[in-house]
Amino acid sequence: MLEDKAKDLGRSIGQSDEYKAVKRSSEALNNDREATTILRQMEKIRQDAQAMIDRGEEPTPDMEQQLDALLQQVQVNPAYQAAISAQDNFDKLMLRVNQWIADGIRTGATSSIILG
């Protein structure tokens, strides 16, 4: 019973406008060479910084400056902005869904009627 209801909920979420927007904007971002190049550069710097931290070293000020500059570049990219906005809207939807589930759990915990 729970598995079926969870799958139904998942299907509903997958059909939501918020999920569809995340999917579309993610595809658009992946197809934007400028944005993906910048994001790859940022990830490389983050990985290098994490490796330094793991060795007990401090990331360099130059690494921080590079990350800041790359972040400023990518933040003005329309595909990146759309992806961030869509993800934010989807996250809000998921917070509401989780709240509805929590409300349902509280109601179910106090109810003596078992629903099928």
N, C-alpha and C. Protein backbone atom coordinates (compact mmCIF):
# COMPACT_ATOMS: atom_id res chain seq x y z
N MET A 1 0.82 -1.19 0.00
CA MET A 1 0.00 0.00 0.00
C MET A 1 0.88 1.26 0.00
N LEU A 2 1.83 1.35 0.92
CA LEU A 2 2.68 2.54 0.98
C LEU A 2 3.52 2.69 -0.29
N GLU A 3 4.04 1.57 -0.77
CA GLU A 3 4.86 1.64 -1.97
C GLU A 3 4.06 2.18 -3.15
N ASP A 4 2.84 1.71 -3.32
CA ASP A 4 2.00 2.18 -4.42
C ASP A 4 1.71 3.67 -4.30
N LYS A 5 1.39 4.10 -3.08
CA LYS A 5 1.09 5.52 -2.87
C LYS A 5 2.33 6.38 -3.09
N ALA A 6 3.50 5.87 -2.67
CA ALA A 6 4.74 6.61 -2.88
C ALA A 6 5.05 6.73 -4.38
N LYS A 7 4.82 5.63 -5.11
CA LYS A 7 5.05 5.68 -6.56
C LYS A 7 4.08 6.64 -7.24
N ASP A 8 2.84 6.66 -6.79
CA ASP A 8 1.86 7.61 -7.33
C ASP A 8 2.30 9.04 -7.06
N LEU A 9 2.78 9.29 -5.86
CA LEU A 9 3.27 10.62 -5.50
C LEU A 9 4.46 10.98 -6.40
N GLY A 10 5.38 10.04 -6.58
CA GLY A 10 6.52 10.29 -7.45
C GLY A 10 6.11 10.61 -8.87
N ARG A 11 5.14 9.87 -9.39
CA ARG A 11 4.63 10.15 -10.74
C ARG A 11 4.03 11.55 -10.80
N SER A 12 3.28 11.91 -9.79
CA SER A 12 2.67 13.25 -9.76
C SER A 12 3.74 14.34 -9.72
N ILE A 13 4.76 14.12 -8.93
CA ILE A 13 5.85 15.11 -8.86
C ILE A 13 6.55 15.19 -10.21
N GLY A 14 6.79 14.03 -10.84
CA GLY A 14 7.44 14.00 -12.14
C GLY A 14 6.63 14.68 -13.24
N GLN A 15 5.33 14.78 -13.05
CA GLN A 15 4.46 15.45 -14.03
C GLN A 15 4.20 16.91 -13.68
N SER A 16 4.75 17.36 -12.55
CA SER A 16 4.50 18.74 -12.12
C SER A 16 5.23 19.74 -13.02
N ASP A 17 4.68 20.93 -13.10
CA ASP A 17 5.31 22.00 -13.89
C ASP A 17 6.70 22.31 -13.35
N GLU A 18 6.85 22.25 -12.01
CA GLU A 18 8.14 22.57 -11.40
C GLU A 18 9.22 21.57 -11.82
N TYR A 19 8.86 20.29 -11.83
CA TYR A 19 9.84 19.27 -12.23
C TYR A 19 10.18 19.41 -13.72
N LYS A 20 9.16 19.64 -14.53
CA LYS A 20 9.39 19.80 -15.97
C LYS A 20 10.30 21.00 -16.25
N ALA A 21 10.12 22.07 -15.48
CA ALA A 21 10.96 23.26 -15.64
C ALA A 21 12.41 22.96 -15.25
N VAL A 22 12.61 22.19 -14.19
CA VAL A 22 13.96 21.81 -13.79
C VAL A 22 14.62 21.00 -14.89
N LYS A 23 13.88 20.06 -15.43
CA LYS A 23 14.42 19.20 -16.47
C LYS A 23 14.80 20.02 -17.71
N ARG A 24 13.89 20.89 -18.15
CA ARG A 24 14.16 21.73 -19.33
C ARG A 24 15.35 22.65 -19.10
N SER A 25 15.38 23.30 -17.95
CA SER A 25 16.45 24.26 -17.69
C SER A 25 17.80 23.56 -17.52
N SER A 26 17.78 22.37 -16.97
CA SER A 26 19.01 21.60 -16.82
C SER A 26 19.56 21.20 -18.19
N GLU A 27 18.69 20.78 -19.08
CA GLU A 27 19.11 20.43 -20.44
C GLU A 27 19.66 21.66 -21.16
N ALA A 28 19.00 22.79 -20.99
CA ALA A 28 19.47 24.03 -21.63
C ALA A 28 20.83 24.43 -21.07
N LEU A 29 21.01 24.29 -19.77
CA LEU A 29 22.29 24.62 -19.15
C LEU A 29 23.38 23.69 -19.66
N ASN A 30 23.07 22.40 -19.76
CA ASN A 30 24.06 21.44 -20.27
C ASN A 30 24.44 21.71 -21.72
N ASN A 31 23.54 22.33 -22.47
CA ASN A 31 23.81 22.65 -23.87
C ASN A 31 24.49 24.01 -24.05
N ASP A 32 24.65 24.75 -22.97
CA ASP A 32 25.29 26.07 -23.03
C ASP A 32 26.79 25.89 -22.77
N ARG A 33 27.57 25.97 -23.84
CA ARG A 33 29.02 25.71 -23.71
C ARG A 33 29.72 26.66 -22.75
N GLU A 34 29.38 27.92 -22.82
CA GLU A 34 30.03 28.91 -21.95
C GLU A 34 29.78 28.57 -20.48
N ALA A 35 28.52 28.32 -20.16
CA ALA A 35 28.17 28.02 -18.76
C ALA A 35 28.81 26.72 -18.29
N THR A 36 28.77 25.70 -19.13
CA THR A 36 29.34 24.41 -18.69
C THR A 36 30.85 24.51 -18.54
N THR A 37 31.50 25.29 -19.39
CA THR A 37 32.95 25.47 -19.26
C THR A 37 33.28 26.15 -17.93
N ILE A 38 32.53 27.19 -17.61
CA ILE A 38 32.77 27.91 -16.35
C ILE A 38 32.49 26.99 -15.16
N LEU A 39 31.39 26.25 -15.21
CA LEU A 39 31.04 25.36 -14.10
C LEU A 39 32.09 24.26 -13.93
N ARG A 40 32.64 23.76 -15.03
CA ARG A 40 33.71 22.75 -14.93
C ARG A 40 34.96 23.35 -14.29
N GLN A 41 35.29 24.57 -14.68
CA GLN A 41 36.45 25.25 -14.10
C GLN A 41 36.25 25.44 -12.59
N MET A 42 35.04 25.84 -12.22
CA MET A 42 34.75 26.03 -10.79
C MET A 42 34.88 24.72 -10.04
N GLU A 43 34.36 23.64 -10.60
CA GLU A 43 34.43 22.34 -9.95
C GLU A 43 35.88 21.88 -9.79
N LYS A 44 36.70 22.14 -10.79
CA LYS A 44 38.12 21.76 -10.72
C LYS A 44 38.81 22.51 -9.58
N ILE A 45 38.54 23.79 -9.47
CA ILE A 45 39.14 24.58 -8.39
C ILE A 45 38.65 24.07 -7.04
N ARG A 46 37.35 23.77 -6.93
CA ARG A 46 36.82 23.24 -5.67
C ARG A 46 37.47 21.91 -5.30
N GLN A 47 37.65 21.04 -6.29
CA GLN A 47 38.29 19.75 -6.03
C GLN A 47 39.74 19.94 -5.58
N ASP A 48 40.44 20.84 -6.25
CA ASP A 48 41.83 21.13 -5.86
C ASP A 48 41.89 21.69 -4.45
N ALA A 49 40.96 22.59 -4.12
CA ALA A 49 40.92 23.18 -2.78
C ALA A 49 40.62 22.11 -1.74
N GLN A 50 39.68 21.20 -2.05
CA GLN A 50 39.34 20.13 -1.11
C GLN A 50 40.53 19.20 -0.90
N ALA A 51 41.26 18.92 -1.96
CA ALA A 51 42.46 18.08 -1.83
C ALA A 51 43.49 18.74 -0.93
N MET A 52 43.63 20.04 -1.06
CA MET A 52 44.56 20.77 -0.20
C MET A 52 44.11 20.70 1.26
N ILE A 53 42.81 20.90 1.49
CA ILE A 53 42.27 20.84 2.85
C ILE A 53 42.49 19.45 3.43
N ASP A 54 42.26 18.42 2.61
CA ASP A 54 42.46 17.04 3.06
C ASP A 54 43.91 16.78 3.47
N ARG A 55 44.84 17.50 2.83
CA ARG A 55 46.27 17.35 3.18
C ARG A 55 46.67 18.28 4.32
N GLY A 56 45.70 19.03 4.85
CA GLY A 56 46.00 19.95 5.95
C GLY A 56 46.53 21.30 5.49
N GLU A 57 46.37 21.59 4.21
CA GLU A 57 46.83 22.86 3.66
C GLU A 57 45.65 23.81 3.48
N GLU A 58 45.98 25.08 3.36
CA GLU A 58 44.96 26.10 3.11
C GLU A 58 44.87 26.38 1.62
N PRO A 59 43.65 26.44 1.07
CA PRO A 59 43.53 26.88 -0.33
C PRO A 59 44.11 28.29 -0.48
N THR A 60 44.64 28.58 -1.64
CA THR A 60 45.32 29.85 -1.85
C THR A 60 44.31 30.98 -2.07
N PRO A 61 44.70 32.20 -1.74
CA PRO A 61 43.83 33.35 -2.04
C PRO A 61 43.52 33.45 -3.54
N ASP A 62 44.47 33.05 -4.38
CA ASP A 62 44.26 33.08 -5.82
C ASP A 62 43.11 32.14 -6.22
N MET A 63 43.01 30.99 -5.55
CA MET A 63 41.92 30.06 -5.84
C MET A 63 40.58 30.69 -5.51
N GLU A 64 40.53 31.38 -4.37
CA GLU A 64 39.31 32.07 -3.96
C GLU A 64 38.92 33.15 -4.97
N GLN A 65 39.92 33.90 -5.41
CA GLN A 65 39.66 34.97 -6.38
C GLN A 65 39.18 34.40 -7.71
N GLN A 66 39.79 33.28 -8.13
CA GLN A 66 39.36 32.64 -9.37
C GLN A 66 37.91 32.17 -9.26
N LEU A 67 37.58 31.55 -8.13
CA LEU A 67 36.21 31.08 -7.93
C LEU A 67 35.22 32.24 -7.94
N ASP A 68 35.57 33.32 -7.26
CA ASP A 68 34.69 34.50 -7.23
C ASP A 68 34.48 35.06 -8.64
N ALA A 69 35.55 35.15 -9.41
CA ALA A 69 35.45 35.69 -10.77
C ALA A 69 34.59 34.78 -11.65
N LEU A 70 34.80 33.48 -11.53
CA LEU A 70 34.00 32.53 -12.32
C LEU A 70 32.53 32.57 -11.91
N LEU A 71 32.30 32.69 -10.62
CA LEU A 71 30.92 32.77 -10.14
C LEU A 71 30.23 34.01 -10.70
N GLN A 72 30.92 35.12 -10.70
CA GLN A 72 30.34 36.35 -11.26
C GLN A 72 30.02 36.17 -12.74
N GLN A 73 30.88 35.47 -13.46
CA GLN A 73 30.65 35.24 -14.89
C GLN A 73 29.41 34.37 -15.11
N VAL A 74 29.31 33.28 -14.35
CA VAL A 74 28.22 32.33 -14.60
C VAL A 74 26.88 32.87 -14.10
N GLN A 75 26.90 33.70 -13.08
CA GLN A 75 25.65 34.22 -12.52
C GLN A 75 24.87 35.09 -13.50
N VAL A 76 25.53 35.67 -14.47
CA VAL A 76 24.83 36.52 -15.44
C VAL A 76 24.39 35.72 -16.67
N ASN A 77 24.72 34.45 -16.70
CA ASN A 77 24.34 33.60 -17.83
C ASN A 77 22.85 33.25 -17.73
N PRO A 78 22.07 33.53 -18.78
CA PRO A 78 20.62 33.27 -18.73
C PRO A 78 20.26 31.80 -18.47
N ALA A 79 21.00 30.88 -19.05
CA ALA A 79 20.71 29.45 -18.84
C ALA A 79 20.96 29.08 -17.38
N TYR A 80 22.01 29.61 -16.80
CA TYR A 80 22.32 29.35 -15.39
C TYR A 80 21.23 29.95 -14.50
N GLN A 81 20.84 31.18 -14.79
CA GLN A 81 19.80 31.84 -14.00
C GLN A 81 18.50 31.06 -14.06
N ALA A 82 18.14 30.58 -15.24
CA ALA A 82 16.91 29.80 -15.40
C ALA A 82 16.99 28.50 -14.61
N ALA A 83 18.15 27.84 -14.65
CA ALA A 83 18.32 26.58 -13.92
C ALA A 83 18.24 26.80 -12.41
N ILE A 84 18.83 27.85 -11.93
CA ILE A 84 18.79 28.16 -10.49
C ILE A 84 17.36 28.49 -10.06
N SER A 85 16.67 29.27 -10.86
CA SER A 85 15.29 29.64 -10.54
C SER A 85 14.38 28.41 -10.54
N ALA A 86 14.53 27.57 -11.56
CA ALA A 86 13.69 26.36 -11.65
C ALA A 86 13.97 25.43 -10.48
N GLN A 87 15.25 25.29 -10.12
CA GLN A 87 15.60 24.41 -8.99
C GLN A 87 15.03 24.97 -7.69
N ASP A 88 15.07 26.28 -7.54
CA ASP A 88 14.53 26.91 -6.33
C ASP A 88 13.02 26.66 -6.24
N ASN A 89 12.31 26.79 -7.36
CA ASN A 89 10.87 26.53 -7.36
C ASN A 89 10.56 25.06 -7.06
N PHE A 90 11.37 24.15 -7.60
CA PHE A 90 11.17 22.73 -7.34
C PHE A 90 11.45 22.42 -5.87
N ASP A 91 12.49 23.02 -5.33
CA ASP A 91 12.81 22.83 -3.90
C ASP A 91 11.65 23.29 -3.01
N LYS A 92 11.02 24.40 -3.39
CA LYS A 92 9.87 24.90 -2.63
C LYS A 92 8.71 23.91 -2.70
N LEU A 93 8.48 23.34 -3.90
CA LEU A 93 7.44 22.33 -4.05
C LEU A 93 7.74 21.14 -3.14
N MET A 94 8.97 20.67 -3.14
CA MET A 94 9.32 19.50 -2.33
C MET A 94 9.19 19.80 -0.84
N LEU A 95 9.47 21.02 -0.42
CA LEU A 95 9.25 21.39 0.98
C LEU A 95 7.77 21.30 1.33
N ARG A 96 6.91 21.78 0.41
CA ARG A 96 5.46 21.68 0.64
C ARG A 96 5.02 20.22 0.69
N VAL A 97 5.53 19.40 -0.23
CA VAL A 97 5.18 17.97 -0.25
C VAL A 97 5.60 17.32 1.07
N ASN A 98 6.81 17.61 1.51
CA ASN A 98 7.27 17.03 2.78
C ASN A 98 6.41 17.49 3.95
N GLN A 99 5.95 18.73 3.91
CA GLN A 99 5.07 19.23 4.97
C GLN A 99 3.73 18.50 4.94
N TRP A 100 3.20 18.28 3.73
CA TRP A 100 1.94 17.55 3.60
C TRP A 100 2.09 16.12 4.12
N ILE A 101 3.23 15.50 3.82
CA ILE A 101 3.48 14.15 4.32
C ILE A 101 3.55 14.16 5.84
N ALA A 102 4.27 15.13 6.41
CA ALA A 102 4.37 15.23 7.86
C ALA A 102 3.00 15.44 8.49
N ASP A 103 2.17 16.29 7.87
CA ASP A 103 0.81 16.52 8.36
C ASP A 103 0.02 15.21 8.32
N GLY A 104 0.17 14.47 7.22
CA GLY A 104 -0.53 13.19 7.09
C GLY A 104 -0.07 12.18 8.13
N ILE A 105 1.21 12.18 8.44
CA ILE A 105 1.73 11.27 9.47
C ILE A 105 1.13 11.61 10.83
N ARG A 106 1.12 12.91 11.13
CA ARG A 106 0.53 13.33 12.42
C ARG A 106 -0.95 12.93 12.49
N THR A 107 -1.67 13.15 11.41
CA THR A 107 -3.09 12.79 11.38
C THR A 107 -3.26 11.28 11.51
N GLY A 108 -2.44 10.55 10.78
CA GLY A 108 -2.51 9.09 10.83
C GLY A 108 -2.16 8.52 12.18
N ALA A 109 -1.26 9.16 12.87
CA ALA A 109 -0.82 8.68 14.19
C ALA A 109 -1.92 8.85 15.23
N THR A 110 -2.82 9.79 15.00
CA THR A 110 -3.88 10.03 15.98
C THR A 110 -5.21 9.43 15.57
N SER A 111 -5.26 8.84 14.37
CA SER A 111 -6.51 8.28 13.86
C SER A 111 -6.57 6.79 14.17
N SER A 112 -7.76 6.33 14.57
CA SER A 112 -7.94 4.92 14.84
C SER A 112 -8.49 4.19 13.61
N ILE A 113 -8.79 4.94 12.55
CA ILE A 113 -9.33 4.36 11.33
C ILE A 113 -8.17 4.10 10.38
N ILE A 114 -8.10 2.89 9.86
CA ILE A 114 -7.06 2.52 8.90
C ILE A 114 -7.63 2.68 7.51
N LEU A 115 -6.97 3.53 6.71
CA LEU A 115 -7.44 3.78 5.35
C LEU A 115 -6.70 2.90 4.38
N GLY A 116 -7.37 2.44 3.36
CA GLY A 116 -6.75 1.55 2.39
C GLY A 116 -6.36 2.22 1.14
